[in-house]
N, C-alpha and C. Protein backbone atom coordinates (compact mmCIF):
# COMPACT_ATOMS: atom_id res chain seq x y z
N MET A 1 -179.78 -6.43 -67.58
CA MET A 1 -180.15 -5.51 -68.63
C MET A 1 -181.67 -5.41 -68.79
N TRP A 2 -182.41 -6.31 -68.17
CA TRP A 2 -183.86 -6.25 -68.27
C TRP A 2 -184.42 -5.57 -67.04
N ASN A 3 -185.55 -4.93 -67.22
CA ASN A 3 -186.23 -4.30 -66.10
C ASN A 3 -187.72 -4.65 -66.21
N TYR A 4 -188.15 -5.53 -65.34
CA TYR A 4 -189.55 -5.97 -65.34
C TYR A 4 -190.33 -5.33 -64.20
N ASP A 5 -189.94 -4.15 -63.81
CA ASP A 5 -190.62 -3.44 -62.73
C ASP A 5 -192.09 -3.20 -63.12
N GLY A 6 -192.99 -3.68 -62.27
CA GLY A 6 -194.42 -3.47 -62.52
C GLY A 6 -195.08 -4.56 -63.34
N TYR A 7 -194.32 -5.54 -63.83
CA TYR A 7 -194.91 -6.64 -64.59
C TYR A 7 -195.54 -7.65 -63.65
N PHE A 8 -196.43 -8.47 -64.17
CA PHE A 8 -197.14 -9.49 -63.41
C PHE A 8 -196.15 -10.50 -62.83
N LEU A 9 -196.19 -10.71 -61.51
CA LEU A 9 -195.34 -11.67 -60.80
C LEU A 9 -193.85 -11.44 -61.04
N GLU A 10 -193.42 -10.19 -61.03
CA GLU A 10 -192.01 -9.90 -61.24
C GLU A 10 -191.19 -10.28 -60.02
N ILE A 11 -189.94 -10.69 -60.27
CA ILE A 11 -189.03 -11.10 -59.21
C ILE A 11 -187.83 -10.16 -59.21
N LEU A 12 -187.77 -9.28 -58.23
CA LEU A 12 -186.66 -8.32 -58.06
C LEU A 12 -186.39 -7.51 -59.33
N ASN A 13 -187.40 -7.26 -60.14
CA ASN A 13 -187.32 -6.47 -61.37
C ASN A 13 -186.51 -7.13 -62.50
N TYR A 14 -185.97 -8.32 -62.27
CA TYR A 14 -185.10 -8.94 -63.28
C TYR A 14 -185.81 -9.96 -64.15
N THR A 15 -186.86 -10.55 -63.65
CA THR A 15 -187.59 -11.55 -64.43
C THR A 15 -189.01 -11.66 -63.87
N THR A 16 -189.80 -12.48 -64.49
CA THR A 16 -191.16 -12.73 -64.02
C THR A 16 -191.39 -14.24 -63.99
N VAL A 17 -192.38 -14.67 -63.23
CA VAL A 17 -192.69 -16.09 -63.14
C VAL A 17 -193.09 -16.68 -64.50
N PRO A 18 -193.93 -16.01 -65.31
CA PRO A 18 -194.26 -16.58 -66.62
C PRO A 18 -193.02 -16.77 -67.52
N ILE A 19 -192.07 -15.86 -67.43
CA ILE A 19 -190.85 -16.01 -68.23
C ILE A 19 -190.02 -17.19 -67.72
N LEU A 20 -189.93 -17.34 -66.40
CA LEU A 20 -189.22 -18.49 -65.84
C LEU A 20 -189.85 -19.80 -66.29
N ILE A 21 -191.17 -19.85 -66.29
CA ILE A 21 -191.86 -21.07 -66.72
C ILE A 21 -191.59 -21.33 -68.20
N GLY A 22 -191.62 -20.29 -69.02
CA GLY A 22 -191.33 -20.43 -70.45
C GLY A 22 -189.94 -20.97 -70.70
N TRP A 23 -188.94 -20.42 -70.02
CA TRP A 23 -187.56 -20.90 -70.18
C TRP A 23 -187.43 -22.33 -69.68
N GLY A 24 -188.15 -22.66 -68.61
CA GLY A 24 -188.13 -24.03 -68.11
C GLY A 24 -188.68 -25.02 -69.13
N ILE A 25 -189.76 -24.64 -69.78
CA ILE A 25 -190.35 -25.50 -70.82
C ILE A 25 -189.40 -25.63 -72.00
N LEU A 26 -188.84 -24.51 -72.45
CA LEU A 26 -187.90 -24.55 -73.57
C LEU A 26 -186.66 -25.38 -73.24
N GLY A 27 -186.16 -25.23 -72.01
CA GLY A 27 -185.00 -26.02 -71.60
C GLY A 27 -185.30 -27.51 -71.57
N THR A 28 -186.48 -27.87 -71.11
CA THR A 28 -186.89 -29.27 -71.06
C THR A 28 -187.01 -29.84 -72.47
N ILE A 29 -187.62 -29.08 -73.37
CA ILE A 29 -187.73 -29.52 -74.77
C ILE A 29 -186.35 -29.73 -75.36
N TYR A 30 -185.43 -28.82 -75.09
CA TYR A 30 -184.08 -28.96 -75.63
C TYR A 30 -183.40 -30.22 -75.09
N VAL A 31 -183.46 -30.43 -73.78
CA VAL A 31 -182.76 -31.56 -73.17
C VAL A 31 -183.32 -32.90 -73.65
N PHE A 32 -184.63 -33.00 -73.81
CA PHE A 32 -185.23 -34.30 -74.14
C PHE A 32 -185.46 -34.53 -75.63
N LEU A 33 -185.50 -33.48 -76.45
CA LEU A 33 -185.78 -33.66 -77.88
C LEU A 33 -184.62 -33.22 -78.77
N VAL A 34 -184.15 -32.01 -78.59
CA VAL A 34 -183.15 -31.45 -79.51
C VAL A 34 -181.76 -32.03 -79.25
N GLN A 35 -181.33 -32.06 -78.00
CA GLN A 35 -179.97 -32.51 -77.68
C GLN A 35 -179.71 -33.95 -78.10
N PRO A 36 -180.61 -34.92 -77.86
CA PRO A 36 -180.34 -36.28 -78.35
C PRO A 36 -180.23 -36.35 -79.87
N PHE A 37 -181.05 -35.58 -80.56
CA PHE A 37 -180.98 -35.54 -82.02
C PHE A 37 -179.63 -35.00 -82.49
N LEU A 38 -179.19 -33.89 -81.87
CA LEU A 38 -177.89 -33.32 -82.24
C LEU A 38 -176.75 -34.27 -81.89
N SER A 39 -176.85 -34.97 -80.78
CA SER A 39 -175.80 -35.93 -80.39
C SER A 39 -175.67 -37.04 -81.43
N LYS A 40 -176.79 -37.52 -81.97
CA LYS A 40 -176.74 -38.55 -83.01
C LYS A 40 -176.05 -38.02 -84.26
N ILE A 41 -176.37 -36.80 -84.65
CA ILE A 41 -175.75 -36.22 -85.83
C ILE A 41 -174.25 -36.04 -85.61
N ILE A 42 -173.88 -35.54 -84.45
CA ILE A 42 -172.47 -35.29 -84.14
C ILE A 42 -171.68 -36.60 -84.10
N SER A 43 -172.31 -37.69 -83.68
CA SER A 43 -171.61 -38.98 -83.58
C SER A 43 -171.18 -39.50 -84.95
N PHE A 44 -171.77 -38.99 -86.03
CA PHE A 44 -171.39 -39.43 -87.37
C PHE A 44 -170.15 -38.71 -87.91
N ILE A 45 -169.68 -37.68 -87.22
CA ILE A 45 -168.51 -36.93 -87.67
C ILE A 45 -167.25 -37.73 -87.35
N PRO A 46 -166.42 -38.00 -88.36
CA PRO A 46 -165.17 -38.75 -88.11
C PRO A 46 -164.24 -37.99 -87.16
N LYS A 47 -163.44 -38.75 -86.38
CA LYS A 47 -162.57 -38.15 -85.37
C LYS A 47 -161.57 -37.16 -85.98
N LYS A 48 -161.03 -37.47 -87.17
CA LYS A 48 -160.06 -36.57 -87.80
C LYS A 48 -160.69 -35.22 -88.10
N ILE A 49 -161.88 -35.24 -88.63
CA ILE A 49 -162.58 -34.01 -88.97
C ILE A 49 -163.08 -33.31 -87.71
N GLU A 50 -163.44 -34.09 -86.70
CA GLU A 50 -163.99 -33.54 -85.46
C GLU A 50 -163.01 -32.57 -84.81
N LYS A 51 -161.74 -32.96 -84.71
CA LYS A 51 -160.74 -32.10 -84.09
C LYS A 51 -160.48 -30.85 -84.92
N LYS A 52 -160.43 -31.00 -86.21
CA LYS A 52 -160.21 -29.85 -87.09
C LYS A 52 -161.39 -28.89 -87.04
N LEU A 53 -162.58 -29.44 -87.02
CA LEU A 53 -163.78 -28.62 -86.94
C LEU A 53 -163.84 -27.86 -85.62
N ALA A 54 -163.49 -28.53 -84.52
CA ALA A 54 -163.48 -27.88 -83.22
C ALA A 54 -162.45 -26.75 -83.20
N LEU A 55 -161.28 -26.99 -83.76
CA LEU A 55 -160.24 -25.95 -83.83
C LEU A 55 -160.70 -24.77 -84.69
N LEU A 56 -161.37 -25.06 -85.79
CA LEU A 56 -161.89 -24.01 -86.66
C LEU A 56 -162.93 -23.15 -85.92
N ILE A 57 -163.81 -23.78 -85.18
CA ILE A 57 -164.83 -23.06 -84.42
C ILE A 57 -164.20 -22.19 -83.34
N VAL A 58 -163.21 -22.74 -82.63
CA VAL A 58 -162.52 -21.97 -81.59
C VAL A 58 -161.81 -20.76 -82.21
N CYS A 59 -161.14 -20.96 -83.34
CA CYS A 59 -160.46 -19.84 -84.01
C CYS A 59 -161.47 -18.77 -84.43
N TYR A 60 -162.59 -19.19 -84.97
CA TYR A 60 -163.62 -18.23 -85.36
C TYR A 60 -164.10 -17.42 -84.16
N LEU A 61 -164.35 -18.10 -83.04
CA LEU A 61 -164.83 -17.41 -81.84
C LEU A 61 -163.78 -16.43 -81.30
N LEU A 62 -162.51 -16.82 -81.34
CA LEU A 62 -161.44 -15.93 -80.88
C LEU A 62 -161.32 -14.69 -81.78
N ILE A 63 -161.44 -14.90 -83.08
CA ILE A 63 -161.37 -13.78 -84.01
C ILE A 63 -162.57 -12.85 -83.79
N ASP A 64 -163.75 -13.42 -83.64
CA ASP A 64 -164.95 -12.63 -83.40
C ASP A 64 -164.83 -11.84 -82.10
N PHE A 65 -164.34 -12.48 -81.05
CA PHE A 65 -164.15 -11.81 -79.76
C PHE A 65 -163.15 -10.66 -79.90
N THR A 66 -162.06 -10.91 -80.61
CA THR A 66 -161.04 -9.88 -80.80
C THR A 66 -161.61 -8.67 -81.53
N PHE A 67 -162.32 -8.91 -82.61
CA PHE A 67 -162.91 -7.79 -83.35
C PHE A 67 -163.97 -7.05 -82.52
N SER A 68 -164.71 -7.78 -81.69
CA SER A 68 -165.70 -7.14 -80.83
C SER A 68 -165.03 -6.22 -79.81
N VAL A 69 -163.94 -6.69 -79.21
CA VAL A 69 -163.21 -5.87 -78.23
C VAL A 69 -162.61 -4.65 -78.91
N ILE A 70 -162.04 -4.84 -80.08
CA ILE A 70 -161.47 -3.70 -80.82
C ILE A 70 -162.56 -2.70 -81.16
N ASN A 71 -163.71 -3.19 -81.62
CA ASN A 71 -164.82 -2.31 -81.97
C ASN A 71 -165.29 -1.51 -80.75
N LEU A 72 -165.38 -2.16 -79.60
CA LEU A 72 -165.79 -1.45 -78.38
C LEU A 72 -164.73 -0.46 -77.93
N ALA A 73 -163.45 -0.79 -78.14
CA ALA A 73 -162.39 0.11 -77.74
C ALA A 73 -162.43 1.41 -78.55
N TYR A 74 -162.74 1.30 -79.84
CA TYR A 74 -162.78 2.48 -80.70
C TYR A 74 -164.15 3.16 -80.73
N ASN A 75 -165.19 2.45 -80.29
CA ASN A 75 -166.54 3.00 -80.30
C ASN A 75 -167.23 2.72 -78.96
N PRO A 76 -166.78 3.34 -77.87
CA PRO A 76 -167.37 3.03 -76.57
C PRO A 76 -168.85 3.41 -76.46
N GLU A 77 -169.34 4.28 -77.33
CA GLU A 77 -170.75 4.65 -77.27
C GLU A 77 -171.67 3.45 -77.54
N ILE A 78 -171.16 2.44 -78.25
CA ILE A 78 -171.93 1.22 -78.49
C ILE A 78 -172.24 0.55 -77.16
N LEU A 79 -171.24 0.46 -76.30
CA LEU A 79 -171.43 -0.15 -74.98
C LEU A 79 -172.39 0.68 -74.14
N TYR A 80 -172.26 1.98 -74.21
CA TYR A 80 -173.17 2.85 -73.44
C TYR A 80 -174.61 2.66 -73.89
N LYS A 81 -174.83 2.49 -75.20
CA LYS A 81 -176.19 2.28 -75.70
C LYS A 81 -176.73 0.92 -75.29
N MET A 82 -175.84 -0.07 -75.15
CA MET A 82 -176.29 -1.38 -74.70
C MET A 82 -176.75 -1.31 -73.25
N VAL A 83 -176.05 -0.55 -72.44
CA VAL A 83 -176.39 -0.43 -71.02
C VAL A 83 -177.61 0.45 -70.82
N ASP A 84 -177.68 1.56 -71.58
CA ASP A 84 -178.80 2.49 -71.45
C ASP A 84 -179.27 2.90 -72.84
N PRO A 85 -180.26 2.19 -73.40
CA PRO A 85 -180.72 2.45 -74.76
C PRO A 85 -181.27 3.87 -74.98
N SER A 86 -181.58 4.58 -73.92
CA SER A 86 -182.13 5.93 -74.09
C SER A 86 -181.08 6.94 -74.51
N LEU A 87 -179.80 6.56 -74.45
CA LEU A 87 -178.72 7.50 -74.83
C LEU A 87 -178.65 7.69 -76.33
């Protein structure tokens, strides 16, 4: 969905080297700083609540996905605008 044609150090029009470096830095920060912190917080959740919470999140995602598909089925122009914003 991105077009970096003509940008500095672009790679096949899909990305650029500076963007790759930025995502690499952000990914490294996440892996070494954010993820261990979140793992500690998650470890405090009791097992009984953990399963219920996971089921609740899965149900929410399924409902959201269903409504998104229904919305696209009745409003296909939304998808067309996502693919080509000039429409």
